[in-house]
């Protein structure tokens, strides 16, 4: 059996990112950069999973996930269903 890769990856919702740079400023490992007005994880392999970028983003444009959750879609969420499951709806 192959050993599972450990670490984190970033889901970037480019439609929501307005390039404010808040996530870049709060990343303690300085792995995020702005390219063409959008955030990009330049060195995702050094991510420690602190979620500071995710917590500080005012537009919910970035999410940090364990590498085990990475799907064939990679970190491009254009083809990923981001809707909440029915049990997550309150009321």
PDB file of N, CA and C in Angstrom:
ATOM      1  N   UNK A   1       0.847  -1.193   0.000  1.00  0.00           N
ATOM      2  CA  UNK A   1       0.000   0.000   0.000  1.00  0.00           C
ATOM      3  C   UNK A   1       0.889   1.251   0.000  1.00  0.00           C
ATOM      4  N   UNK A   2       0.547   2.207  -0.835  1.00  0.00           N
ATOM      5  CA  UNK A   2       1.303   3.460  -0.937  1.00  0.00           C
ATOM      6  C   UNK A   2       1.058   4.329   0.287  1.00  0.00           C
ATOM      7  N   UNK A   3       2.108   5.011   0.704  1.00  0.00           N
ATOM      8  CA  UNK A   3       1.986   5.904   1.856  1.00  0.00           C
ATOM      9  C   UNK A   3       1.247   7.170   1.454  1.00  0.00           C
ATOM     10  N   UNK A   4       0.307   7.601   2.306  1.00  0.00           N
ATOM     11  CA  UNK A   4      -0.495   8.804   2.040  1.00  0.00           C
ATOM     12  C   UNK A   4       0.364  10.046   2.264  1.00  0.00           C
ATOM     13  N   UNK A   5       0.335  10.969   1.314  1.00  0.00           N
ATOM     14  CA  UNK A   5       1.062  12.227   1.444  1.00  0.00           C
ATOM     15  C   UNK A   5       0.384  13.087   2.501  1.00  0.00           C
ATOM     16  N   UNK A   6       1.190  13.714   3.357  1.00  0.00           N
ATOM     17  CA  UNK A   6       0.641  14.569   4.405  1.00  0.00           C
ATOM     18  C   UNK A   6       0.890  16.023   4.051  1.00  0.00           C
ATOM     19  N   UNK A   7       0.020  16.873   4.543  1.00  0.00           N
ATOM     20  CA  UNK A   7       0.161  18.296   4.295  1.00  0.00           C
ATOM     21  C   UNK A   7      -1.191  18.930   4.032  1.00  0.00           C
ATOM     22  N   UNK A   8      -1.155  20.084   3.408  1.00  0.00           N
ATOM     23  CA  UNK A   8      -2.366  20.861   3.173  1.00  0.00           C
ATOM     24  C   UNK A   8      -2.364  21.410   1.754  1.00  0.00           C
ATOM     25  N   UNK A   9      -3.543  21.728   1.263  1.00  0.00           N
ATOM     26  CA  UNK A   9      -3.662  22.397  -0.025  1.00  0.00           C
ATOM     27  C   UNK A   9      -4.686  23.509   0.106  1.00  0.00           C
ATOM     28  N   UNK A  10      -4.672  24.424  -0.840  1.00  0.00           N
ATOM     29  CA  UNK A  10      -5.528  25.609  -0.796  1.00  0.00           C
ATOM     30  C   UNK A  10      -6.578  25.549  -1.891  1.00  0.00           C
ATOM     31  N   UNK A  11      -7.808  25.750  -1.517  1.00  0.00           N
ATOM     32  CA  UNK A  11      -8.890  25.885  -2.486  1.00  0.00           C
ATOM     33  C   UNK A  11      -9.080  27.385  -2.683  1.00  0.00           C
ATOM     34  N   UNK A  12      -8.854  27.845  -3.894  1.00  0.00           N
ATOM     35  CA  UNK A  12      -8.975  29.269  -4.208  1.00  0.00           C
ATOM     36  C   UNK A  12     -10.233  29.471  -5.046  1.00  0.00           C
ATOM     37  N   UNK A  13     -11.130  30.286  -4.548  1.00  0.00           N
ATOM     38  CA  UNK A  13     -12.332  30.647  -5.305  1.00  0.00           C
ATOM     39  C   UNK A  13     -12.031  31.967  -6.018  1.00  0.00           C
ATOM     40  N   UNK A  14     -11.465  31.846  -7.207  1.00  0.00           N
ATOM     41  CA  UNK A  14     -10.995  33.024  -7.939  1.00  0.00           C
ATOM     42  C   UNK A  14     -12.091  34.043  -8.194  1.00  0.00           C
ATOM     43  N   UNK A  15     -13.317  33.599  -8.336  1.00  0.00           N
ATOM     44  CA  UNK A  15     -14.433  34.530  -8.571  1.00  0.00           C
ATOM     45  C   UNK A  15     -14.652  35.452  -7.373  1.00  0.00           C
ATOM     46  N   UNK A  16     -14.291  34.976  -6.173  1.00  0.00           N
ATOM     47  CA  UNK A  16     -14.505  35.766  -4.964  1.00  0.00           C
ATOM     48  C   UNK A  16     -13.287  36.596  -4.577  1.00  0.00           C
ATOM     49  N   UNK A  17     -12.103  36.188  -5.017  1.00  0.00           N
ATOM     50  CA  UNK A  17     -10.873  36.881  -4.633  1.00  0.00           C
ATOM     51  C   UNK A  17     -10.795  38.236  -5.330  1.00  0.00           C
ATOM     52  N   UNK A  18     -10.675  39.297  -4.516  1.00  0.00           N
ATOM     53  CA  UNK A  18     -10.544  40.635  -5.100  1.00  0.00           C
ATOM     54  C   UNK A  18      -9.105  41.153  -5.017  1.00  0.00           C
ATOM     55  N   UNK A  19      -8.185  40.282  -4.600  1.00  0.00           N
ATOM     56  CA  UNK A  19      -6.777  40.647  -4.594  1.00  0.00           C
ATOM     57  C   UNK A  19      -6.383  41.640  -3.527  1.00  0.00           C
ATOM     58  N   UNK A  20      -7.059  41.621  -2.388  1.00  0.00           N
ATOM     59  CA  UNK A  20      -6.774  42.593  -1.327  1.00  0.00           C
ATOM     60  C   UNK A  20      -5.446  42.313  -0.616  1.00  0.00           C
ATOM     61  N   UNK A  21      -4.970  41.059  -0.646  1.00  0.00           N
ATOM     62  CA  UNK A  21      -3.689  40.722  -0.043  1.00  0.00           C
ATOM     63  C   UNK A  21      -3.718  40.445   1.444  1.00  0.00           C
ATOM     64  N   UNK A  22      -4.886  40.444   2.067  1.00  0.00           N
ATOM     65  CA  UNK A  22      -4.973  40.183   3.506  1.00  0.00           C
ATOM     66  C   UNK A  22      -4.446  38.787   3.828  1.00  0.00           C
ATOM     67  N   UNK A  23      -4.832  37.801   3.033  1.00  0.00           N
ATOM     68  CA  UNK A  23      -4.374  36.429   3.276  1.00  0.00           C
ATOM     69  C   UNK A  23      -2.852  36.341   3.155  1.00  0.00           C
ATOM     70  N   UNK A  24      -2.295  37.045   2.189  1.00  0.00           N
ATOM     71  CA  UNK A  24      -0.849  37.060   1.980  1.00  0.00           C
ATOM     72  C   UNK A  24      -0.156  37.639   3.210  1.00  0.00           C
ATOM     73  N   UNK A  25      -0.690  38.724   3.735  1.00  0.00           N
ATOM     74  CA  UNK A  25      -0.094  39.395   4.890  1.00  0.00           C
ATOM     75  C   UNK A  25      -0.144  38.546   6.156  1.00  0.00           C
ATOM     76  N   UNK A  26      -1.181  37.740   6.322  1.00  0.00           N
ATOM     77  CA  UNK A  26      -1.349  36.969   7.550  1.00  0.00           C
ATOM     78  C   UNK A  26      -0.721  35.578   7.508  1.00  0.00           C
ATOM     79  N   UNK A  27      -0.258  35.121   6.365  1.00  0.00           N
ATOM     80  CA  UNK A  27       0.351  33.791   6.273  1.00  0.00           C
ATOM     81  C   UNK A  27       1.709  33.796   6.985  1.00  0.00           C
ATOM     82  N   UNK A  28       1.854  33.016   8.078  1.00  0.00           N
ATOM     83  CA  UNK A  28       3.115  33.032   8.816  1.00  0.00           C
ATOM     84  C   UNK A  28       4.274  32.396   8.046  1.00  0.00           C
ATOM     85  N   UNK A  29       3.988  31.581   7.052  1.00  0.00           N
ATOM     86  CA  UNK A  29       5.035  30.935   6.259  1.00  0.00           C
ATOM     87  C   UNK A  29       5.323  31.681   4.957  1.00  0.00           C
ATOM     88  N   UNK A  30       4.575  32.743   4.684  1.00  0.00           N
ATOM     89  CA  UNK A  30       4.748  33.582   3.491  1.00  0.00           C
ATOM     90  C   UNK A  30       4.746  32.750   2.206  1.00  0.00           C
ATOM     91  N   UNK A  31       3.791  31.811   2.124  1.00  0.00           N
ATOM     92  CA  UNK A  31       3.715  30.958   0.942  1.00  0.00           C
ATOM     93  C   UNK A  31       2.729  31.461  -0.091  1.00  0.00           C
ATOM     94  N   UNK A  32       1.903  32.432   0.279  1.00  0.00           N
ATOM     95  CA  UNK A  32       0.920  32.985  -0.652  1.00  0.00           C
ATOM     96  C   UNK A  32       1.474  34.234  -1.332  1.00  0.00           C
ATOM     97  N   UNK A  33       1.142  34.389  -2.609  1.00  0.00           N
ATOM     98  CA  UNK A  33       1.540  35.575  -3.364  1.00  0.00           C
ATOM     99  C   UNK A  33       0.351  36.046  -4.192  1.00  0.00           C
ATOM    100  N   UNK A  34       0.405  37.289  -4.617  1.00  0.00           N
ATOM    101  CA  UNK A  34      -0.602  37.811  -5.540  1.00  0.00           C
ATOM    102  C   UNK A  34      -0.021  37.781  -6.948  1.00  0.00           C
ATOM    103  N   UNK A  35      -0.763  37.171  -7.870  1.00  0.00           N
ATOM    104  CA  UNK A  35      -0.375  37.135  -9.278  1.00  0.00           C
ATOM    105  C   UNK A  35      -1.574  37.559 -10.100  1.00  0.00           C
ATOM    106  N   UNK A  36      -1.387  38.569 -10.911  1.00  0.00           N
ATOM    107  CA  UNK A  36      -2.476  39.092 -11.749  1.00  0.00           C
ATOM    108  C   UNK A  36      -3.708  39.447 -10.922  1.00  0.00           C
ATOM    109  N   UNK A  37      -3.484  39.985  -9.722  1.00  0.00           N
ATOM    110  CA  UNK A  37      -4.585  40.436  -8.882  1.00  0.00           C
ATOM    111  C   UNK A  37      -5.330  39.348  -8.141  1.00  0.00           C
ATOM    112  N   UNK A  38      -4.788  38.122  -8.118  1.00  0.00           N
ATOM    113  CA  UNK A  38      -5.427  36.999  -7.418  1.00  0.00           C
ATOM    114  C   UNK A  38      -4.387  36.300  -6.552  1.00  0.00           C
ATOM    115  N   UNK A  39      -4.849  35.669  -5.475  1.00  0.00           N
ATOM    116  CA  UNK A  39      -3.942  34.953  -4.587  1.00  0.00           C
ATOM    117  C   UNK A  39      -3.546  33.617  -5.211  1.00  0.00           C
ATOM    118  N   UNK A  40      -2.297  33.220  -4.960  1.00  0.00           N
ATOM    119  CA  UNK A  40      -1.766  31.970  -5.481  1.00  0.00           C
ATOM    120  C   UNK A  40      -0.842  31.358  -4.431  1.00  0.00           C
ATOM    121  N   UNK A  41      -1.031  30.070  -4.094  1.00  0.00           N
ATOM    122  CA  UNK A  41      -0.126  29.412  -3.145  1.00  0.00           C
ATOM    123  C   UNK A  41       1.169  29.010  -3.857  1.00  0.00           C
ATOM    124  N   UNK A  42       2.191  29.845  -3.734  1.00  0.00           N
ATOM    125  CA  UNK A  42       3.433  29.630  -4.472  1.00  0.00           C
ATOM    126  C   UNK A  42       4.227  28.431  -3.949  1.00  0.00           C
ATOM    127  N   UNK A  43       4.177  28.203  -2.643  1.00  0.00           N
ATOM    128  CA  UNK A  43       4.899  27.074  -2.041  1.00  0.00           C
ATOM    129  C   UNK A  43       3.971  26.307  -1.097  1.00  0.00           C
ATOM    130  N   UNK A  44       2.942  25.640  -1.618  1.00  0.00           N
ATOM    131  CA  UNK A  44       1.952  24.983  -0.758  1.00  0.00           C
ATOM    132  C   UNK A  44       2.534  23.883   0.120  1.00  0.00           C
ATOM    133  N   UNK A  45       3.672  23.328  -0.279  1.00  0.00           N
ATOM    134  CA  UNK A  45       4.270  22.240   0.495  1.00  0.00           C
ATOM    135  C   UNK A  45       4.752  22.667   1.873  1.00  0.00           C
ATOM    136  N   UNK A  46       4.910  23.980   2.115  1.00  0.00           N
ATOM    137  CA  UNK A  46       5.358  24.432   3.437  1.00  0.00           C
ATOM    138  C   UNK A  46       4.203  24.891   4.325  1.00  0.00           C
ATOM    139  N   UNK A  47       2.975  24.749   3.850  1.00  0.00           N
ATOM    140  CA  UNK A  47       1.803  25.152   4.635  1.00  0.00           C
ATOM    141  C   UNK A  47       1.728  24.332   5.921  1.00  0.00           C
ATOM    142  N   UNK A  48       1.492  25.012   7.045  1.00  0.00           N
ATOM    143  CA  UNK A  48       1.380  24.334   8.338  1.00  0.00           C
ATOM    144  C   UNK A  48      -0.076  24.128   8.752  1.00  0.00           C
ATOM    145  N   UNK A  49      -1.000  24.560   7.923  1.00  0.00           N
ATOM    146  CA  UNK A  49      -2.418  24.346   8.208  1.00  0.00           C
ATOM    147  C   UNK A  49      -2.971  25.202   9.327  1.00  0.00           C
ATOM    148  N   UNK A  50      -2.455  26.393   9.500  1.00  0.00           N
ATOM    149  CA  UNK A  50      -2.921  27.276  10.579  1.00  0.00           C
ATOM    150  C   UNK A  50      -4.255  27.940  10.244  1.00  0.00           C
ATOM    151  N   UNK A  51      -4.622  27.987   8.972  1.00  0.00           N
ATOM    152  CA  UNK A  51      -5.882  28.558   8.484  1.00  0.00           C
ATOM    153  C   UNK A  51      -5.969  30.081   8.628  1.00  0.00           C
ATOM    154  N   UNK A  52      -4.859  30.750   8.927  1.00  0.00           N
ATOM    155  CA  UNK A  52      -4.907  32.210   9.090  1.00  0.00           C
ATOM    156  C   UNK A  52      -5.397  32.894   7.820  1.00  0.00           C
ATOM    157  N   UNK A  53      -4.972  32.417   6.669  1.00  0.00           N
ATOM    158  CA  UNK A  53      -5.419  33.017   5.405  1.00  0.00           C
ATOM    159  C   UNK A  53      -6.928  32.859   5.253  1.00  0.00           C
ATOM    160  N   UNK A  54      -7.402  31.684   5.579  1.00  0.00           N
ATOM    161  CA  UNK A  54      -8.837  31.382   5.464  1.00  0.00           C
ATOM    162  C   UNK A  54      -9.661  32.227   6.435  1.00  0.00           C
ATOM    163  N   UNK A  55      -9.204  32.312   7.677  1.00  0.00           N
ATOM    164  CA  UNK A  55      -9.945  33.057   8.699  1.00  0.00           C
ATOM    165  C   UNK A  55      -9.983  34.554   8.416  1.00  0.00           C
ATOM    166  N   UNK A  56      -8.924  35.091   7.811  1.00  0.00           N
ATOM    167  CA  UNK A  56      -8.826  36.539   7.588  1.00  0.00           C
ATOM    168  C   UNK A  56      -9.442  37.023   6.282  1.00  0.00           C
ATOM    169  N   UNK A  57      -9.676  36.120   5.340  1.00  0.00           N
ATOM    170  CA  UNK A  57     -10.215  36.537   4.041  1.00  0.00           C
ATOM    171  C   UNK A  57     -11.635  37.073   4.204  1.00  0.00           C
ATOM    172  N   UNK A  58     -11.866  38.344   3.859  1.00  0.00           N
ATOM    173  CA  UNK A  58     -13.201  38.922   4.030  1.00  0.00           C
ATOM    174  C   UNK A  58     -14.222  38.413   3.008  1.00  0.00           C
ATOM    175  N   UNK A  59     -13.742  37.731   1.965  1.00  0.00           N
ATOM    176  CA  UNK A  59     -14.638  37.287   0.893  1.00  0.00           C
ATOM    177  C   UNK A  59     -14.759  35.770   0.782  1.00  0.00           C
ATOM    178  N   UNK A  60     -14.212  35.046   1.770  1.00  0.00           N
ATOM    179  CA  UNK A  60     -14.293  33.575   1.790  1.00  0.00           C
ATOM    180  C   UNK A  60     -13.741  32.967   0.505  1.00  0.00           C
ATOM    181  N   UNK A  61     -12.672  33.558  -0.012  1.00  0.00           N
ATOM    182  CA  UNK A  61     -12.113  33.131  -1.291  1.00  0.00           C
ATOM    183  C   UNK A  61     -11.053  32.040  -1.160  1.00  0.00           C
ATOM    184  N   UNK A  62     -10.619  31.746   0.054  1.00  0.00           N
ATOM    185  CA  UNK A  62      -9.560  30.754   0.240  1.00  0.00           C
ATOM    186  C   UNK A  62      -9.940  29.795   1.362  1.00  0.00           C
ATOM    187  N   UNK A  63      -9.593  28.546   1.155  1.00  0.00           N
ATOM    188  CA  UNK A  63      -9.869  27.513   2.150  1.00  0.00           C
ATOM    189  C   UNK A  63      -8.663  26.579   2.210  1.00  0.00           C
ATOM    190  N   UNK A  64      -8.286  26.185   3.417  1.00  0.00           N
ATOM    191  CA  UNK A  64      -7.167  25.271   3.618  1.00  0.00           C
ATOM    192  C   UNK A  64      -7.736  23.911   3.990  1.00  0.00           C
ATOM    193  N   UNK A  65      -7.278  22.874   3.285  1.00  0.00           N
ATOM    194  CA  UNK A  65      -7.786  21.521   3.535  1.00  0.00           C
ATOM    195  C   UNK A  65      -6.623  20.545   3.654  1.00  0.00           C
ATOM    196  N   UNK A  66      -6.831  19.462   4.416  1.00  0.00           N
ATOM    197  CA  UNK A  66      -5.800  18.414   4.467  1.00  0.00           C
ATOM    198  C   UNK A  66      -5.637  17.791   3.086  1.00  0.00           C
ATOM    199  N   UNK A  67      -4.428  17.439   2.742  1.00  0.00           N
ATOM    200  CA  UNK A  67      -4.139  16.897   1.412  1.00  0.00           C
ATOM    201  C   UNK A  67      -4.950  15.627   1.143  1.00  0.00           C
ATOM    202  N   UNK A  68      -5.349  14.923   2.194  1.00  0.00           N
ATOM    203  CA  UNK A  68      -6.143  13.704   2.038  1.00  0.00           C
ATOM    204  C   UNK A  68      -7.480  13.980   1.366  1.00  0.00           C
ATOM    205  N   UNK A  69      -7.979  15.215   1.467  1.00  0.00           N
ATOM    206  CA  UNK A  69      -9.276  15.572   0.891  1.00  0.00           C
ATOM    207  C   UNK A  69      -9.175  16.030  -0.565  1.00  0.00           C
ATOM    208  N   UNK A  70      -7.963  16.116  -1.076  1.00  0.00           N
ATOM    209  CA  UNK A  70      -7.795  16.619  -2.444  1.00  0.00           C
ATOM    210  C   UNK A  70      -8.455  15.655  -3.431  1.00  0.00           C
ATOM    211  N   UNK A  71      -9.210  16.214  -4.343  1.00  0.00           N
ATOM    212  CA  UNK A  71      -9.917  15.399  -5.327  1.00  0.00           C
ATOM    213  C   UNK A  71      -9.260  15.546  -6.686  1.00  0.00           C
ATOM    214  N   UNK A  72      -9.793  14.866  -7.647  1.00  0.00           N
ATOM    215  CA  UNK A  72      -9.266  14.972  -9.005  1.00  0.00           C
ATOM    216  C   UNK A  72      -9.377  16.393  -9.540  1.00  0.00           C
ATOM    217  N   UNK A  73     -10.266  17.185  -8.969  1.00  0.00           N
ATOM    218  CA  UNK A  73     -10.441  18.564  -9.415  1.00  0.00           C
ATOM    219  C   UNK A  73      -9.283  19.455  -8.992  1.00  0.00           C
ATOM    220  N   UNK A  74      -8.412  18.965  -8.111  1.00  0.00           N
ATOM    221  CA  UNK A  74      -7.280  19.757  -7.648  1.00  0.00           C
ATOM    222  C   UNK A  74      -7.741  20.936  -6.819  1.00  0.00           C
ATOM    223  N   UNK A  75      -7.080  22.073  -6.970  1.00  0.00           N
ATOM    224  CA  UNK A  75      -7.477  23.244  -6.188  1.00  0.00           C
ATOM    225  C   UNK A  75      -8.317  24.220  -6.996  1.00  0.00           C
ATOM    226  N   UNK A  76      -8.818  23.804  -8.128  1.00  0.00           N
ATOM    227  CA  UNK A  76      -9.719  24.632  -8.927  1.00  0.00           C
ATOM    228  C   UNK A  76     -11.145  24.215  -8.600  1.00  0.00           C
ATOM    229  N   UNK A  77     -11.917  25.097  -8.002  1.00  0.00           N
ATOM    230  CA  UNK A  77     -13.253  24.724  -7.538  1.00  0.00           C
ATOM    231  C   UNK A  77     -14.347  24.989  -8.564  1.00  0.00           C
ATOM    232  N   UNK A  78     -13.987  25.332  -9.779  1.00  0.00           N
ATOM    233  CA  UNK A  78     -15.017  25.568 -10.786  1.00  0.00           C
ATOM    234  C   UNK A  78     -15.852  24.325 -11.052  1.00  0.00           C
ATOM    235  N   UNK A  79     -15.279  23.146 -10.850  1.00  0.00           N
ATOM    236  CA  UNK A  79     -15.986  21.895 -11.105  1.00  0.00           C
ATOM    237  C   UNK A  79     -16.363  21.156  -9.828  1.00  0.00           C
ATOM    238  N   UNK A  80     -16.304  21.817  -8.691  1.00  0.00           N
ATOM    239  CA  UNK A  80     -16.595  21.183  -7.415  1.00  0.00           C
ATOM    240  C   UNK A  80     -17.911  21.712  -6.872  1.00  0.00           C
ATOM    241  N   UNK A  81     -18.750  20.818  -6.376  1.00  0.00           N
ATOM    242  CA  UNK A  81     -20.025  21.212  -5.777  1.00  0.00           C
ATOM    243  C   UNK A  81     -19.757  21.758  -4.380  1.00  0.00           C
ATOM    244  N   UNK A  82     -19.957  23.054  -4.190  1.00  0.00           N
ATOM    245  CA  UNK A  82     -19.698  23.697  -2.904  1.00  0.00           C
ATOM    246  C   UNK A  82     -20.963  23.888  -2.083  1.00  0.00           C
ATOM    247  N   UNK A  83     -22.060  23.319  -2.529  1.00  0.00           N
ATOM    248  CA  UNK A  83     -23.310  23.491  -1.798  1.00  0.00           C
ATOM    249  C   UNK A  83     -23.285  22.687  -0.508  1.00  0.00           C
ATOM    250  N   UNK A  84     -24.022  23.169   0.470  1.00  0.00           N
ATOM    251  CA  UNK A  84     -24.108  22.482   1.750  1.00  0.00           C
ATOM    252  C   UNK A  84     -25.025  21.272   1.637  1.00  0.00           C
ATOM    253  N   UNK A  85     -24.694  20.190   2.371  1.00  0.00           N
ATOM    254  CA  UNK A  85     -25.611  19.053   2.383  1.00  0.00           C
ATOM    255  C   UNK A  85     -26.904  19.446   3.083  1.00  0.00           C
ATOM    256  N   UNK A  86     -28.021  18.772   2.790  1.00  0.00           N
ATOM    257  CA  UNK A  86     -29.316  19.152   3.373  1.00  0.00           C
ATOM    258  C   UNK A  86     -29.301  19.246   4.895  1.00  0.00           C
ATOM    259  N   UNK A  87     -28.546  18.361   5.560  1.00  0.00           N
ATOM    260  CA  UNK A  87     -28.525  18.384   7.026  1.00  0.00           C
ATOM    261  C   UNK A  87     -27.818  19.614   7.590  1.00  0.00           C
ATOM    262  N   UNK A  88     -27.068  20.351   6.767  1.00  0.00           N
ATOM    263  CA  UNK A  88     -26.362  21.543   7.234  1.00  0.00           C
ATOM    264  C   UNK A  88     -27.260  22.776   7.276  1.00  0.00           C
ATOM    265  N   UNK A  89     -28.388  22.722   6.619  1.00  0.00           N
ATOM    266  CA  UNK A  89     -29.304  23.862   6.611  1.00  0.00           C
ATOM    267  C   UNK A  89     -30.070  23.925   7.929  1.00  0.00           C
ATOM    268  N   UNK A  90     -30.097  25.086   8.515  1.00  0.00           N
ATOM    269  CA  UNK A  90     -30.802  25.286   9.792  1.00  0.00           C
ATOM    270  C   UNK A  90     -32.165  25.901   9.522  1.00  0.00           C
ATOM    271  N   UNK A  91     -33.186  25.292  10.123  1.00  0.00           N
ATOM    272  CA  UNK A  91     -34.516  25.900  10.043  1.00  0.00           C
ATOM    273  C   UNK A  91     -35.328  25.398   9.001  1.00  0.00           C
TER     274      UNK A  91
END
